[in-house]
Protein backbone atom coordinates (compact mmCIF):
# COMPACT_ATOMS: atom_id res chain seq x y z
CA UNK A 1 99.56 98.29 100.16
CA UNK A 2 99.43 99.68 103.67
CA UNK A 3 96.97 98.03 106.08
CA UNK A 4 95.84 99.69 109.30
CA UNK A 5 93.59 98.44 112.09
CA UNK A 6 91.54 101.36 113.41
CA UNK A 7 89.33 101.73 116.48
CA UNK A 8 86.81 103.97 114.68
CA UNK A 9 86.35 103.17 110.98
CA UNK A 10 83.93 106.06 110.34
CA UNK A 11 86.36 108.61 111.81
CA UNK A 12 89.20 107.08 109.82
CA UNK A 13 87.21 107.33 106.58
CA UNK A 14 86.42 110.98 107.28
CA UNK A 15 90.09 111.74 108.02
CA UNK A 16 91.42 110.17 104.82
CA UNK A 17 88.64 111.56 102.59
CA UNK A 18 88.14 115.03 104.05
CA UNK A 19 91.42 115.70 105.85
CA UNK A 20 93.90 114.25 103.37
CA UNK A 21 91.76 114.26 100.22
CA UNK A 22 92.43 110.61 99.36
CA UNK A 23 89.73 109.16 97.07
CA UNK A 24 87.95 106.13 98.51
CA UNK A 25 87.84 103.04 96.34
CA UNK A 26 84.83 100.76 96.07
CA UNK A 27 84.98 98.27 98.93
CA UNK A 28 82.78 96.30 101.34
CA UNK A 29 81.29 98.41 104.17
CA UNK A 30 83.46 96.72 106.82
CA UNK A 31 86.72 98.02 105.30
CA UNK A 32 87.87 101.15 103.48
CA UNK A 33 90.34 101.27 100.60
CA UNK A 34 91.91 104.57 99.56
CA UNK A 35 94.02 105.14 96.49
CA UNK A 36 97.30 107.01 96.78
CA UNK A 37 97.70 107.59 93.04
CA UNK A 38 100.09 110.43 92.47
CA UNK A 39 101.35 110.54 96.06
CA UNK A 40 104.30 108.17 95.70
CA UNK A 41 106.54 106.33 93.30
CA UNK A 42 103.99 103.59 92.54
CA UNK A 43 100.80 104.63 90.78
CA UNK A 44 98.81 101.78 92.39
CA UNK A 45 99.60 102.38 96.08
CA UNK A 46 96.64 101.89 98.43
CA UNK A 47 95.74 102.15 102.11
CA UNK A 48 93.35 99.63 103.67
CA UNK A 49 91.62 100.48 106.95
CA UNK A 50 89.74 97.81 108.87
CA UNK A 51 88.11 97.72 112.31
CA UNK A 52 90.52 96.77 115.07
CA UNK A 53 89.19 93.93 117.20
CA UNK A 54 89.89 94.06 120.91
CA UNK A 55 90.07 91.02 123.06
């Protein structure tokens, strides 16, 4: 699993869904899981994006 803190979750979701074509998995609205099935050696690889907190 790859985890990334992002400054704009909505823009990140659009990038992974529309730009890269990664299917979004069911997840709470404060995070976004994307499956990487077929893109690597492991069929269960995922990316997790979450809002980056400043402070």
